[in-house]
Amino acid sequence: MNHKLLNNSLLTSIAFAFSISILSCGSPKLSSYATNTNLESKAKYDFNPNKIRESGKGFSVDMKALGKLPKKIALISFYVDDPGLTKTTKSPNQSTWNTTNTGSDNARIFANQFYSKSIKTIKTTFKEFGMEVLTPNEFLKTEDQKIAYQNFVVKHTTLNKIGEGLNKFLKNSGSAHTTIETDEPADGFVLIKINKREQSDPKKKSVPAQNLSSSIDGSMIESLGYDLCNSLNVDAVLIVYNTQLCDEKWSKSRFWLSAVNMQLFGPNPLPLKEGKKDKNGYSKGLFYCGVRMPFSKGLLINPKTKTPESESLNNTNIHLAYNNMVKGCSKKIGNYLIKELK
């Protein structure tokens, strides 16, 4: 792996310093995110939109069948996912690969910083729609719930298990015997990874616009939307994850935000008809909504700062920018549920 862990002083200065590198004049400007308080339109739907029919079969909820908004929502995981960057250098006689990613320690630090700076905004925005987002210290009220949460493992259908096995192989196929992918949750959360492995663009520091839009993993949505909801006694569960990338320039690790993601799951309001044993296409849990805010060019997290004043400004901008992003994602979900309920 060709990445370096950040030292404490640098971590302090860049922990929440989103800025756009001047190395590429075509990169989007940080100010457009720090000052724009309405980014809802930039959040795109990213879930299987195949609604349940009268039989209850499908992958996403019919809000009219549900009849109400989910009142209690458990935020069950908040994590950073880095699919890794692999650059290929070709010469007449050979090709070489260089793999970089954020690294577990850095990913955990970023997850903690993102979470601590945004949880109030997430809670406030969902509350505007009459929905209460609960954190682990709020929804884990009994020992049974704590055990169920700590031991929870996302289930997958057979085809997805095959893909997961391939991903594990690819995850350990980086250069110099390093892993390609890194996933780390914020403190207090279990890592409940739901996103599919995706390809990253080493030039743009970006990822595809969608990740779960074509998901037909019925076991995953049932284990989240039904099993875990029942164990935690909530109406729905929410997962927030940030897609990041890392590269090196002039012996310096650079960290990029490529996408902000939110996924909401809950129970199927239509039970399987009595006497029906064939569950083909039926799931007790469903997508309620899911959004991704992708950036066509990754946003540089740790730009060079020459003065304490510019460093302070970057820290302020990162706080504003990320809160605008999660607010936009939260509003996209809330407005979708309200519209579908009418």
Protein backbone atom coordinates (compact mmCIF):
# COMPACT_ATOMS: atom_id res chain seq x y z
CA MET A 1 0.00 0.00 0.00
CA ASN A 2 1.35 3.35 -0.96
CA HIS A 3 -0.49 5.42 1.65
CA LYS A 4 0.80 6.97 4.87
CA LEU A 5 -1.02 7.38 8.16
CA LEU A 6 -1.59 10.98 9.11
CA ASN A 7 0.23 12.36 12.11
CA ASN A 8 -1.79 13.93 14.91
CA SER A 9 -1.12 17.55 14.01
CA LEU A 10 -2.09 17.03 10.39
CA LEU A 11 -5.20 15.10 11.40
CA THR A 12 -6.27 18.01 13.58
CA SER A 13 -5.87 20.48 10.75
CA ILE A 14 -7.52 18.43 8.01
CA ALA A 15 -10.09 16.44 9.93
CA PHE A 16 -12.83 18.67 8.64
CA ALA A 17 -11.18 20.66 5.89
CA PHE A 18 -12.98 19.99 2.64
CA SER A 19 -11.42 22.10 -0.07
CA ILE A 20 -10.85 21.75 -3.76
CA SER A 21 -7.27 21.40 -4.87
CA ILE A 22 -5.82 24.16 -7.03
CA LEU A 23 -3.88 21.46 -8.83
CA SER A 24 -6.83 21.10 -11.23
CA CYS A 25 -8.57 24.26 -12.34
CA GLY A 26 -11.49 22.13 -13.60
CA SER A 27 -12.34 20.83 -10.11
CA PRO A 28 -15.56 22.02 -8.44
CA LYS A 29 -15.13 24.72 -5.84
CA LEU A 30 -15.69 24.11 -2.17
CA SER A 31 -17.60 27.36 -1.80
CA SER A 32 -20.46 25.97 -3.91
CA TYR A 33 -21.12 23.38 -1.20
CA ALA A 34 -20.29 25.46 1.86
CA THR A 35 -22.72 28.23 0.88
CA ASN A 36 -25.47 26.27 -0.88
CA THR A 37 -27.97 25.22 1.76
CA ASN A 38 -30.24 23.41 -0.71
CA LEU A 39 -28.46 20.41 -2.20
CA GLU A 40 -31.51 18.15 -2.34
CA SER A 41 -31.49 18.13 -6.15
CA LYS A 42 -27.93 16.82 -6.16
CA ALA A 43 -28.96 13.72 -4.20
CA LYS A 44 -30.07 10.99 -6.63
CA TYR A 45 -32.23 7.97 -5.87
CA ASP A 46 -30.17 4.82 -5.41
CA PHE A 47 -32.42 1.88 -4.53
CA ASN A 48 -34.44 -0.72 -6.38
CA PRO A 49 -37.68 1.14 -7.24
CA ASN A 50 -39.68 -2.05 -7.95
CA LYS A 51 -42.60 -1.49 -5.56
CA ILE A 52 -44.50 -4.31 -3.91
CA ARG A 53 -47.65 -5.47 -5.66
CA GLU A 54 -50.85 -6.72 -4.01
CA SER A 55 -49.06 -10.00 -3.34
CA GLY A 56 -46.42 -8.15 -1.33
CA LYS A 57 -43.74 -9.16 -3.82
CA GLY A 58 -41.23 -6.51 -4.80
CA PHE A 59 -38.18 -4.73 -3.46
CA SER A 60 -39.40 -1.31 -2.29
CA VAL A 61 -42.30 -0.22 -0.14
CA ASP A 62 -45.59 1.12 -1.44
CA MET A 63 -46.17 4.01 0.93
CA LYS A 64 -49.92 3.87 0.37
CA ALA A 65 -49.90 0.27 1.58
CA LEU A 66 -47.75 1.28 4.57
CA GLY A 67 -50.17 4.12 5.27
CA LYS A 68 -47.87 6.25 7.42
CA LEU A 69 -44.35 7.55 7.79
CA PRO A 70 -41.91 5.55 9.92
CA LYS A 71 -41.85 7.42 13.22
CA LYS A 72 -38.88 5.80 14.95
CA ILE A 73 -35.78 5.29 12.80
CA ALA A 74 -32.62 3.66 14.15
CA LEU A 75 -29.36 4.93 12.68
CA ILE A 76 -27.64 1.54 12.77
CA SER A 77 -24.39 2.28 10.93
CA PHE A 78 -22.33 5.30 9.95
CA TYR A 79 -19.17 4.39 8.09
CA VAL A 80 -16.52 5.36 5.56
CA ASP A 81 -16.03 3.09 2.56
CA ASP A 82 -12.95 3.33 0.32
CA PRO A 83 -13.07 0.98 -2.70
CA GLY A 84 -9.41 1.74 -3.41
CA LEU A 85 -7.55 3.40 -6.25
CA THR A 86 -5.35 1.39 -8.58
CA LYS A 87 -3.17 3.22 -11.06
CA THR A 88 -1.60 1.32 -13.92
CA THR A 89 1.74 2.34 -15.40
CA LYS A 90 2.62 0.72 -18.71
CA SER A 91 6.02 0.41 -20.34
CA PRO A 92 7.09 -1.49 -23.47
CA ASN A 93 8.10 -4.52 -21.41
CA GLN A 94 5.74 -4.54 -18.43
CA SER A 95 2.84 -3.02 -16.57
CA THR A 96 2.91 -2.04 -12.90
CA TRP A 97 0.04 -1.39 -10.50
CA ASN A 98 0.04 0.96 -7.54
CA THR A 99 -2.81 0.61 -5.04
CA THR A 100 -3.80 3.23 -2.47
CA ASN A 101 -6.64 3.60 -0.02
CA THR A 102 -7.51 5.65 3.04
CA GLY A 103 -6.34 3.01 5.53
CA SER A 104 -8.29 1.75 8.53
CA ASP A 105 -6.99 4.26 11.08
CA ASN A 106 -7.68 7.25 8.85
CA ALA A 107 -11.09 5.92 7.77
CA ARG A 108 -12.11 5.58 11.43
CA ILE A 109 -10.98 9.13 12.17
CA PHE A 110 -12.90 10.52 9.20
CA ALA A 111 -16.00 8.51 10.13
CA ASN A 112 -15.92 9.94 13.65
CA GLN A 113 -15.44 13.49 12.37
CA PHE A 114 -18.18 13.21 9.75
CA TYR A 115 -20.58 11.75 12.29
CA SER A 116 -19.90 14.22 15.10
CA LYS A 117 -20.33 17.18 12.76
CA SER A 118 -23.54 15.97 11.08
CA ILE A 119 -25.71 13.98 13.49
CA LYS A 120 -27.55 17.05 14.75
CA THR A 121 -28.40 18.07 11.18
CA ILE A 122 -29.58 14.55 10.28
CA LYS A 123 -31.83 14.41 13.35
CA THR A 124 -33.23 17.91 12.81
CA THR A 125 -33.98 17.38 9.12
CA PHE A 126 -35.82 14.08 9.62
CA LYS A 127 -37.73 15.61 12.53
CA GLU A 128 -39.10 18.26 10.14
CA PHE A 129 -40.96 15.40 8.45
CA GLY A 130 -42.21 13.93 11.72
CA MET A 131 -39.58 11.18 11.90
CA GLU A 132 -37.19 10.67 14.83
CA VAL A 133 -33.68 9.37 14.13
CA LEU A 134 -32.24 7.46 17.08
CA THR A 135 -28.55 6.76 17.71
CA PRO A 136 -27.31 3.51 19.33
CA ASN A 137 -27.30 4.96 22.84
CA GLU A 138 -30.96 5.88 22.28
CA PHE A 139 -32.37 2.72 20.63
CA LEU A 140 -30.38 0.07 22.55
CA LYS A 141 -32.57 -0.07 25.64
CA THR A 142 -32.31 -3.72 26.67
CA GLU A 143 -29.58 -6.33 26.87
CA ASP A 144 -31.34 -8.40 24.21
CA GLN A 145 -31.30 -5.43 21.84
CA LYS A 146 -27.62 -4.80 22.53
CA ILE A 147 -26.78 -8.43 21.80
CA ALA A 148 -28.91 -8.49 18.64
CA TYR A 149 -27.23 -5.32 17.37
CA GLN A 150 -23.66 -6.28 18.22
CA ASN A 151 -24.06 -9.73 16.67
CA PHE A 152 -26.02 -8.66 13.60
CA VAL A 153 -24.74 -9.86 10.24
CA VAL A 154 -26.30 -8.80 6.95
CA LYS A 155 -27.70 -11.79 5.08
CA HIS A 156 -27.34 -12.15 1.31
CA THR A 157 -28.96 -14.20 -1.42
CA THR A 158 -26.92 -16.94 -3.11
CA LEU A 159 -25.87 -14.81 -6.06
CA ASN A 160 -24.78 -12.01 -3.75
CA LYS A 161 -22.82 -14.48 -1.61
CA ILE A 162 -20.88 -15.50 -4.72
CA GLY A 163 -20.20 -11.88 -5.47
CA GLU A 164 -19.19 -11.29 -1.84
CA GLY A 165 -16.67 -14.14 -2.08
CA LEU A 166 -15.20 -12.62 -5.22
CA ASN A 167 -15.02 -9.25 -3.49
CA LYS A 168 -13.07 -10.78 -0.61
CA PHE A 169 -10.58 -12.14 -3.12
CA LEU A 170 -10.31 -8.79 -4.89
CA LYS A 171 -10.07 -6.95 -1.58
CA ASN A 172 -6.79 -8.72 -0.89
CA SER A 173 -5.38 -8.27 -4.38
CA GLY A 174 -3.77 -4.86 -3.99
CA SER A 175 -0.17 -4.09 -4.75
CA ALA A 176 2.53 -5.15 -2.25
CA HIS A 177 0.09 -7.64 -0.66
CA THR A 178 -2.15 -4.85 0.64
CA THR A 179 -5.94 -4.72 0.72
CA ILE A 180 -7.75 -2.62 -1.85
CA GLU A 181 -10.91 -1.82 0.08
CA THR A 182 -11.27 -0.20 3.52
CA ASP A 183 -14.45 0.12 5.60
CA GLU A 184 -14.60 1.58 9.10
CA PRO A 185 -17.55 2.76 11.25
CA ALA A 186 -17.71 5.68 13.62
CA ASP A 187 -17.23 4.83 17.30
CA GLY A 188 -20.30 3.27 18.89
CA PHE A 189 -21.58 1.80 15.62
CA VAL A 190 -21.42 -1.71 14.19
CA LEU A 191 -20.10 -1.86 10.64
CA ILE A 192 -23.17 -2.87 8.65
CA LYS A 193 -21.80 -2.72 5.14
CA ILE A 194 -24.44 -2.78 2.42
CA ASN A 195 -22.83 -1.15 -0.61
CA LYS A 196 -21.64 -3.27 -3.50
CA ARG A 197 -18.00 -3.11 -4.54
CA GLU A 198 -17.51 -0.48 -7.24
CA GLN A 199 -14.86 0.80 -9.59
CA SER A 200 -13.19 4.14 -8.86
CA ASP A 201 -11.83 6.60 -11.40
CA PRO A 202 -8.16 7.37 -10.57
CA LYS A 203 -8.22 10.56 -12.63
CA LYS A 204 -11.46 12.09 -11.42
CA LYS A 205 -11.33 10.51 -7.94
CA SER A 206 -14.98 9.59 -8.47
CA VAL A 207 -17.28 6.56 -8.29
CA PRO A 208 -20.40 5.63 -10.33
CA ALA A 209 -23.56 7.68 -9.82
CA GLN A 210 -25.44 4.68 -8.37
CA ASN A 211 -24.58 1.62 -6.31
CA LEU A 212 -27.73 -0.16 -5.07
CA SER A 213 -30.26 0.88 -7.72
CA SER A 214 -30.21 -2.56 -9.35
CA SER A 215 -30.01 -4.59 -6.13
CA ILE A 216 -32.18 -7.72 -6.03
CA ASP A 217 -30.73 -8.96 -2.77
CA GLY A 218 -33.95 -9.96 -1.00
CA SER A 219 -32.09 -11.52 1.93
CA MET A 220 -30.25 -8.26 2.60
CA ILE A 221 -33.36 -6.07 2.68
CA GLU A 222 -35.24 -8.64 4.78
CA SER A 223 -32.46 -8.98 7.37
CA LEU A 224 -32.27 -5.19 7.69
CA GLY A 225 -35.85 -4.09 7.15
CA TYR A 226 -37.54 -6.90 9.08
CA ASP A 227 -35.17 -8.86 11.34
CA LEU A 228 -33.20 -5.93 12.73
CA CYS A 229 -36.22 -3.60 12.90
CA ASN A 230 -38.06 -6.17 14.99
CA SER A 231 -35.07 -6.77 17.26
CA LEU A 232 -34.66 -3.04 17.90
CA ASN A 233 -38.41 -2.28 18.08
CA VAL A 234 -38.24 0.53 15.52
CA ASP A 235 -40.19 1.38 12.37
CA ALA A 236 -37.17 1.59 10.06
CA VAL A 237 -33.38 1.49 10.05
CA LEU A 238 -31.06 4.03 8.44
CA ILE A 239 -27.50 3.59 7.20
CA VAL A 240 -25.22 6.49 6.25
CA TYR A 241 -21.90 5.93 4.53
CA ASN A 242 -19.39 8.14 2.80
CA THR A 243 -17.40 6.95 -0.19
CA GLN A 244 -13.80 8.18 -0.04
CA LEU A 245 -10.64 7.68 -2.06
CA CYS A 246 -6.95 8.28 -1.43
CA ASP A 247 -3.97 8.87 -3.69
CA GLU A 248 -0.46 10.27 -3.37
CA LYS A 249 1.19 13.31 -4.89
CA TRP A 250 4.67 14.51 -4.05
CA SER A 251 4.90 11.90 -1.27
CA LYS A 252 1.76 13.27 0.38
CA SER A 253 -1.45 11.31 0.92
CA ARG A 254 -4.48 13.12 -0.45
CA PHE A 255 -8.00 12.18 0.67
CA TRP A 256 -11.10 12.70 -1.45
CA LEU A 257 -14.85 12.60 -0.80
CA SER A 258 -16.53 10.92 -3.78
CA ALA A 259 -20.12 10.41 -2.58
CA VAL A 260 -22.45 10.74 0.41
CA ASN A 261 -25.01 7.92 0.79
CA MET A 262 -28.15 7.20 2.82
CA GLN A 263 -30.27 4.03 2.76
CA LEU A 264 -33.56 3.45 4.61
CA PHE A 265 -35.10 -0.02 5.17
CA GLY A 266 -38.26 -1.18 6.91
CA PRO A 267 -40.87 -3.98 7.19
CA ASN A 268 -43.12 -5.10 4.36
CA PRO A 269 -46.66 -3.93 5.24
CA LEU A 270 -48.24 -6.73 3.16
CA PRO A 271 -47.87 -10.23 4.64
CA LEU A 272 -47.44 -13.26 2.41
CA LYS A 273 -50.90 -14.59 1.61
CA GLU A 274 -52.09 -17.44 3.80
CA GLY A 275 -51.19 -20.81 2.37
CA LYS A 276 -48.47 -19.39 0.13
CA LYS A 277 -45.14 -21.06 0.80
CA ASP A 278 -43.25 -19.89 -2.27
CA LYS A 279 -41.36 -16.80 -1.16
CA ASN A 280 -39.84 -16.24 -4.58
CA GLY A 281 -39.92 -12.46 -4.98
CA TYR A 282 -41.36 -11.87 -1.50
CA SER A 283 -39.36 -10.25 1.29
CA LYS A 284 -40.46 -9.35 4.80
CA GLY A 285 -38.19 -6.30 4.63
CA LEU A 286 -37.95 -3.64 1.91
CA PHE A 287 -36.13 -0.61 0.65
CA TYR A 288 -38.04 2.44 1.90
CA CYS A 289 -35.75 4.83 0.03
CA GLY A 290 -32.08 5.32 -0.78
CA VAL A 291 -30.07 8.23 -2.12
CA ARG A 292 -26.53 8.94 -3.24
CA MET A 293 -24.94 12.35 -3.68
CA PRO A 294 -22.08 11.66 -6.08
CA PHE A 295 -19.45 14.17 -7.17
CA SER A 296 -18.29 14.07 -10.78
CA LYS A 297 -14.87 15.00 -9.47
CA GLY A 298 -13.84 14.07 -5.96
CA LEU A 299 -13.61 16.80 -3.33
CA LEU A 300 -10.17 17.09 -1.79
CA ILE A 301 -10.34 16.80 2.00
CA ASN A 302 -6.79 17.81 2.95
CA PRO A 303 -5.59 20.68 0.73
CA LYS A 304 -2.40 22.58 1.42
CA THR A 305 -2.90 25.48 3.79
CA LYS A 306 -0.29 28.18 4.14
CA THR A 307 -1.59 30.14 7.11
CA PRO A 308 -3.56 29.46 10.30
CA GLU A 309 -6.28 31.70 8.90
CA SER A 310 -6.70 29.64 5.74
CA GLU A 311 -6.66 26.47 7.81
CA SER A 312 -9.41 27.84 10.03
CA LEU A 313 -11.46 28.83 6.98
CA ASN A 314 -11.13 25.33 5.55
CA ASN A 315 -12.31 23.82 8.83
CA THR A 316 -15.34 26.10 8.84
CA ASN A 317 -16.11 25.28 5.22
CA ILE A 318 -15.96 21.55 5.76
CA HIS A 319 -18.45 21.82 8.58
CA LEU A 320 -20.85 23.84 6.45
CA ALA A 321 -20.34 21.78 3.29
CA TYR A 322 -20.90 18.35 4.82
CA ASN A 323 -23.94 19.48 6.78
CA ASN A 324 -25.44 20.86 3.58
CA MET A 325 -24.82 17.49 1.93
CA VAL A 326 -26.47 15.33 4.61
CA LYS A 327 -29.33 17.81 4.87
CA GLY A 328 -29.89 17.48 1.12
CA CYS A 329 -29.88 13.67 1.33
CA SER A 330 -32.23 13.66 4.33
CA LYS A 331 -34.68 16.02 2.63
CA LYS A 332 -34.63 13.91 -0.54
CA ILE A 333 -35.72 10.88 1.48
CA GLY A 334 -38.32 12.78 3.51
CA ASN A 335 -39.93 14.42 0.50
CA TYR A 336 -39.98 11.13 -1.39
CA LEU A 337 -41.85 9.38 1.43
CA ILE A 338 -44.34 12.26 1.75
CA LYS A 339 -44.98 12.34 -2.01
CA GLU A 340 -45.49 8.57 -2.22
CA LEU A 341 -47.84 8.62 0.76
CA LYS A 342 -50.30 11.03 -0.90
